[in-house]
Amino acid sequence: MEMPEWGHGLLIVIGAARWWLAGAAFLALAVYVAVQAWWRCRAAQALRDRVSVDLVPATTFDPSMDEVHWFAGQLGRVPAAAGALPRRASAVRLRLACEDGNLAYRVEGPAHAASVLRMSAYPEVEVVETGADRKVPRIHFEGAPPLKKTGTGDVR
């Protein structure tokens, strides 16, 4: 099978411009690598500058489903409030931690969205900086005796 007339002309043009095409491909690759490196550095910086707050509920805290959905919506707005950040750096992390026998509900997110993280979601929940000195009131259940500690550290 013979090549059409226009095919010969196309091969001649590509052959004459092959060094320009190779240079353009190399330049595009170099720009891509530079942008990826910049994006990774931006993600690493944003991950180093994360803020966290502790949510401390009152003993009478009992949210309705509407309040829970509203709080979830607030957390969903954090990536938008953080601006143009890589997805892993703009994510919100919810952590449950036990410090000195007190449960701490910790919300962690990007520093650019710190104001959204510090908004009190519920009237009966106090938002405090992580690591701040605070006393969490113990919850006592009616009709249930306190647990006794054993010598091994287990609670029975």
C-alpha atoms as a PDB file:
ATOM      1  CA  MET A   1       0.000   0.000   0.000  1.00  0.00           C
ATOM      2  CA  GLU A   2       1.362   3.352  -0.961  1.00  0.00           C
ATOM      3  CA  MET A   3       1.294   6.448   1.269  1.00  0.00           C
ATOM      4  CA  PRO A   4      -0.933   9.327   0.118  1.00  0.00           C
ATOM      5  CA  GLU A   5       0.720  12.467  -1.250  1.00  0.00           C
ATOM      6  CA  TRP A   6      -0.086  14.544   1.827  1.00  0.00           C
ATOM      7  CA  GLY A   7       1.530  11.865   4.039  1.00  0.00           C
ATOM      8  CA  HIS A   8       4.924  12.431   2.446  1.00  0.00           C
ATOM      9  CA  GLY A   9       4.634  16.151   3.063  1.00  0.00           C
ATOM     10  CA  LEU A  10       3.672  15.568   6.696  1.00  0.00           C
ATOM     11  CA  LEU A  11       6.690  13.307   7.238  1.00  0.00           C
ATOM     12  CA  ILE A  12       8.975  15.930   5.740  1.00  0.00           C
ATOM     13  CA  VAL A  13       7.562  18.657   8.031  1.00  0.00           C
ATOM     14  CA  ILE A  14       7.829  16.436  11.136  1.00  0.00           C
ATOM     15  CA  GLY A  15      11.387  15.427  10.173  1.00  0.00           C
ATOM     16  CA  ALA A  16      12.424  19.065   9.781  1.00  0.00           C
ATOM     17  CA  ALA A  17      10.829  20.091  13.100  1.00  0.00           C
ATOM     18  CA  ARG A  18      11.817  17.043  15.129  1.00  0.00           C
ATOM     19  CA  TRP A  19      14.300  18.967  17.300  1.00  0.00           C
ATOM     20  CA  TRP A  20      11.716  21.654  17.990  1.00  0.00           C
ATOM     21  CA  LEU A  21       9.150  19.015  18.915  1.00  0.00           C
ATOM     22  CA  ALA A  22      11.640  17.226  21.183  1.00  0.00           C
ATOM     23  CA  GLY A  23      12.522  20.542  22.847  1.00  0.00           C
ATOM     24  CA  ALA A  24       8.852  21.400  23.369  1.00  0.00           C
ATOM     25  CA  ALA A  25       8.183  17.958  24.887  1.00  0.00           C
ATOM     26  CA  PHE A  26      11.192  18.340  27.210  1.00  0.00           C
ATOM     27  CA  LEU A  27      10.052  21.832  28.227  1.00  0.00           C
ATOM     28  CA  ALA A  28       6.521  20.571  28.948  1.00  0.00           C
ATOM     29  CA  LEU A  29       7.949  17.755  31.066  1.00  0.00           C
ATOM     30  CA  ALA A  30      10.201  20.184  32.984  1.00  0.00           C
ATOM     31  CA  VAL A  31       7.254  22.521  33.685  1.00  0.00           C
ATOM     32  CA  TYR A  32       5.128  19.583  34.850  1.00  0.00           C
ATOM     33  CA  VAL A  33       7.864  18.355  37.233  1.00  0.00           C
ATOM     34  CA  ALA A  34       8.393  21.889  38.614  1.00  0.00           C
ATOM     35  CA  VAL A  35       4.664  22.394  39.243  1.00  0.00           C
ATOM     36  CA  GLN A  36       4.396  19.006  40.967  1.00  0.00           C
ATOM     37  CA  ALA A  37       7.385  19.819  43.186  1.00  0.00           C
ATOM     38  CA  TRP A  38       5.890  23.212  44.089  1.00  0.00           C
ATOM     39  CA  TRP A  39       2.513  21.575  44.878  1.00  0.00           C
ATOM     40  CA  ARG A  40       4.184  18.984  47.135  1.00  0.00           C
ATOM     41  CA  CYS A  41       6.123  21.701  48.993  1.00  0.00           C
ATOM     42  CA  ARG A  42       2.878  23.632  49.442  1.00  0.00           C
ATOM     43  CA  ALA A  43       1.186  20.513  50.840  1.00  0.00           C
ATOM     44  CA  ALA A  44       4.094  19.838  53.224  1.00  0.00           C
ATOM     45  CA  GLN A  45       4.022  23.433  54.504  1.00  0.00           C
ATOM     46  CA  ALA A  46       0.239  23.332  55.002  1.00  0.00           C
ATOM     47  CA  LEU A  47       0.514  20.014  56.865  1.00  0.00           C
ATOM     48  CA  ARG A  48       3.132  21.524  59.206  1.00  0.00           C
ATOM     49  CA  ASP A  49       0.902  24.545  59.921  1.00  0.00           C
ATOM     50  CA  ARG A  50      -2.248  22.687  60.960  1.00  0.00           C
ATOM     51  CA  VAL A  51      -4.261  23.826  63.971  1.00  0.00           C
ATOM     52  CA  SER A  52      -6.367  21.750  66.304  1.00  0.00           C
ATOM     53  CA  VAL A  53      -9.051  22.556  68.821  1.00  0.00           C
ATOM     54  CA  ASP A  54     -10.707  20.427  71.474  1.00  0.00           C
ATOM     55  CA  LEU A  55     -14.464  20.305  71.810  1.00  0.00           C
ATOM     56  CA  VAL A  56     -15.490  19.903  75.454  1.00  0.00           C
ATOM     57  CA  PRO A  57     -19.193  19.097  75.934  1.00  0.00           C
ATOM     58  CA  ALA A  58     -21.172  19.959  79.028  1.00  0.00           C
ATOM     59  CA  THR A  59     -22.657  17.135  81.059  1.00  0.00           C
ATOM     60  CA  THR A  60     -26.117  18.022  79.718  1.00  0.00           C
ATOM     61  CA  PHE A  61     -25.018  17.884  76.064  1.00  0.00           C
ATOM     62  CA  ASP A  62     -27.578  16.048  73.908  1.00  0.00           C
ATOM     63  CA  PRO A  63     -27.647  17.307  70.282  1.00  0.00           C
ATOM     64  CA  SER A  64     -30.525  16.792  67.881  1.00  0.00           C
ATOM     65  CA  MET A  65     -29.977  15.262  64.446  1.00  0.00           C
ATOM     66  CA  ASP A  66     -30.407  18.695  62.840  1.00  0.00           C
ATOM     67  CA  GLU A  67     -27.557  20.057  64.964  1.00  0.00           C
ATOM     68  CA  VAL A  68     -25.346  17.107  64.040  1.00  0.00           C
ATOM     69  CA  HIS A  69     -26.035  17.679  60.327  1.00  0.00           C
ATOM     70  CA  TRP A  70     -25.333  21.391  60.732  1.00  0.00           C
ATOM     71  CA  PHE A  71     -21.967  20.654  62.385  1.00  0.00           C
ATOM     72  CA  ALA A  72     -21.079  18.192  59.617  1.00  0.00           C
ATOM     73  CA  GLY A  73     -21.876  20.937  57.101  1.00  0.00           C
ATOM     74  CA  GLN A  74     -19.564  23.313  58.970  1.00  0.00           C
ATOM     75  CA  LEU A  75     -16.751  20.772  58.792  1.00  0.00           C
ATOM     76  CA  GLY A  76     -17.469  20.322  55.086  1.00  0.00           C
ATOM     77  CA  ARG A  77     -16.796  24.037  54.553  1.00  0.00           C
ATOM     78  CA  VAL A  78     -13.264  23.871  55.953  1.00  0.00           C
ATOM     79  CA  PRO A  79     -11.521  22.907  52.668  1.00  0.00           C
ATOM     80  CA  ALA A  80     -13.220  25.818  50.884  1.00  0.00           C
ATOM     81  CA  ALA A  81     -12.205  28.204  53.680  1.00  0.00           C
ATOM     82  CA  ALA A  82      -8.608  26.967  53.493  1.00  0.00           C
ATOM     83  CA  GLY A  83      -8.264  28.102  49.897  1.00  0.00           C
ATOM     84  CA  ALA A  84      -6.321  26.427  47.132  1.00  0.00           C
ATOM     85  CA  LEU A  85      -4.472  23.697  48.980  1.00  0.00           C
ATOM     86  CA  PRO A  86      -3.757  20.097  48.050  1.00  0.00           C
ATOM     87  CA  ARG A  87      -6.583  17.799  49.066  1.00  0.00           C
ATOM     88  CA  ARG A  88      -4.630  16.000  51.776  1.00  0.00           C
ATOM     89  CA  ALA A  89      -3.578  19.308  53.355  1.00  0.00           C
ATOM     90  CA  SER A  90      -7.079  20.795  53.387  1.00  0.00           C
ATOM     91  CA  ALA A  91      -8.699  17.763  54.979  1.00  0.00           C
ATOM     92  CA  VAL A  92     -10.343  17.868  58.395  1.00  0.00           C
ATOM     93  CA  ARG A  93      -9.329  15.222  60.874  1.00  0.00           C
ATOM     94  CA  LEU A  94     -11.482  14.232  63.815  1.00  0.00           C
ATOM     95  CA  ARG A  95      -9.564  12.593  66.617  1.00  0.00           C
ATOM     96  CA  LEU A  96     -10.734  11.085  69.858  1.00  0.00           C
ATOM     97  CA  ALA A  97      -8.063  11.169  72.537  1.00  0.00           C
ATOM     98  CA  CYS A  98      -8.015  10.163  76.161  1.00  0.00           C
ATOM     99  CA  GLU A  99      -5.968  12.478  78.357  1.00  0.00           C
ATOM    100  CA  ASP A 100      -5.783  11.755  82.082  1.00  0.00           C
ATOM    101  CA  GLY A 101      -8.962   9.690  81.884  1.00  0.00           C
ATOM    102  CA  ASN A 102     -10.920  12.446  80.119  1.00  0.00           C
ATOM    103  CA  LEU A 103     -12.176  11.992  76.589  1.00  0.00           C
ATOM    104  CA  ALA A 104     -11.133  14.787  74.227  1.00  0.00           C
ATOM    105  CA  TYR A 105     -12.852  15.256  70.878  1.00  0.00           C
ATOM    106  CA  ARG A 106     -10.225  16.976  68.727  1.00  0.00           C
ATOM    107  CA  VAL A 107     -10.820  18.676  65.382  1.00  0.00           C
ATOM    108  CA  GLU A 108      -7.716  19.334  63.263  1.00  0.00           C
ATOM    109  CA  GLY A 109      -7.512  21.293  60.039  1.00  0.00           C
ATOM    110  CA  PRO A 110      -5.510  23.772  57.970  1.00  0.00           C
ATOM    111  CA  ALA A 111      -4.362  27.005  59.608  1.00  0.00           C
ATOM    112  CA  HIS A 112      -6.080  29.061  56.885  1.00  0.00           C
ATOM    113  CA  ALA A 113      -9.441  27.730  58.107  1.00  0.00           C
ATOM    114  CA  ALA A 114      -8.767  28.151  61.841  1.00  0.00           C
ATOM    115  CA  SER A 115     -11.715  30.513  62.280  1.00  0.00           C
ATOM    116  CA  VAL A 116     -14.129  27.893  60.951  1.00  0.00           C
ATOM    117  CA  LEU A 117     -12.633  25.253  63.254  1.00  0.00           C
ATOM    118  CA  ARG A 118     -12.968  27.542  66.291  1.00  0.00           C
ATOM    119  CA  MET A 119     -16.662  28.245  65.700  1.00  0.00           C
ATOM    120  CA  SER A 120     -18.727  26.730  68.474  1.00  0.00           C
ATOM    121  CA  ALA A 121     -21.087  24.264  66.894  1.00  0.00           C
ATOM    122  CA  TYR A 122     -23.370  23.802  69.875  1.00  0.00           C
ATOM    123  CA  PRO A 123     -24.352  26.040  72.775  1.00  0.00           C
ATOM    124  CA  GLU A 124     -23.298  23.367  75.291  1.00  0.00           C
ATOM    125  CA  VAL A 125     -19.863  22.681  73.790  1.00  0.00           C
ATOM    126  CA  GLU A 126     -16.801  24.706  74.683  1.00  0.00           C
ATOM    127  CA  VAL A 127     -14.080  25.094  72.042  1.00  0.00           C
ATOM    128  CA  VAL A 128     -10.591  25.289  73.569  1.00  0.00           C
ATOM    129  CA  GLU A 129      -7.128  25.294  72.090  1.00  0.00           C
ATOM    130  CA  THR A 130      -5.467  21.887  72.153  1.00  0.00           C
ATOM    131  CA  GLY A 131      -3.119  21.590  75.090  1.00  0.00           C
ATOM    132  CA  ALA A 132      -4.776  24.399  77.076  1.00  0.00           C
ATOM    133  CA  ASP A 133      -5.262  23.778  80.778  1.00  0.00           C
ATOM    134  CA  ARG A 134      -8.856  22.822  81.323  1.00  0.00           C
ATOM    135  CA  LYS A 135     -10.834  20.687  83.654  1.00  0.00           C
ATOM    136  CA  VAL A 136     -13.333  18.380  82.003  1.00  0.00           C
ATOM    137  CA  PRO A 137     -16.204  17.599  84.348  1.00  0.00           C
ATOM    138  CA  ARG A 138     -16.660  13.901  84.976  1.00  0.00           C
ATOM    139  CA  ILE A 139     -19.940  12.350  83.940  1.00  0.00           C
ATOM    140  CA  HIS A 140     -21.757  10.306  86.563  1.00  0.00           C
ATOM    141  CA  PHE A 141     -24.557   7.922  85.626  1.00  0.00           C
ATOM    142  CA  GLU A 142     -27.467   7.468  87.981  1.00  0.00           C
ATOM    143  CA  GLY A 143     -27.786   3.961  89.332  1.00  0.00           C
ATOM    144  CA  ALA A 144     -24.303   2.887  88.204  1.00  0.00           C
ATOM    145  CA  PRO A 145     -21.516   2.697  90.781  1.00  0.00           C
ATOM    146  CA  PRO A 146     -18.102   4.116  89.789  1.00  0.00           C
ATOM    147  CA  LEU A 147     -15.619   1.677  88.308  1.00  0.00           C
ATOM    148  CA  LYS A 148     -12.809   0.489  90.536  1.00  0.00           C
ATOM    149  CA  LYS A 149      -9.203   0.462  89.352  1.00  0.00           C
ATOM    150  CA  THR A 150      -7.245  -2.744  89.707  1.00  0.00           C
ATOM    151  CA  GLY A 151      -3.527  -3.012  90.368  1.00  0.00           C
ATOM    152  CA  THR A 152      -2.838  -3.818  86.705  1.00  0.00           C
ATOM    153  CA  GLY A 153      -4.271  -0.547  85.454  1.00  0.00           C
ATOM    154  CA  ASP A 154      -7.463  -2.178  84.206  1.00  0.00           C
ATOM    155  CA  VAL A 155     -10.799  -0.717  85.203  1.00  0.00           C
ATOM    156  CA  ARG A 156     -13.371  -3.222  86.414  1.00  0.00           C
END
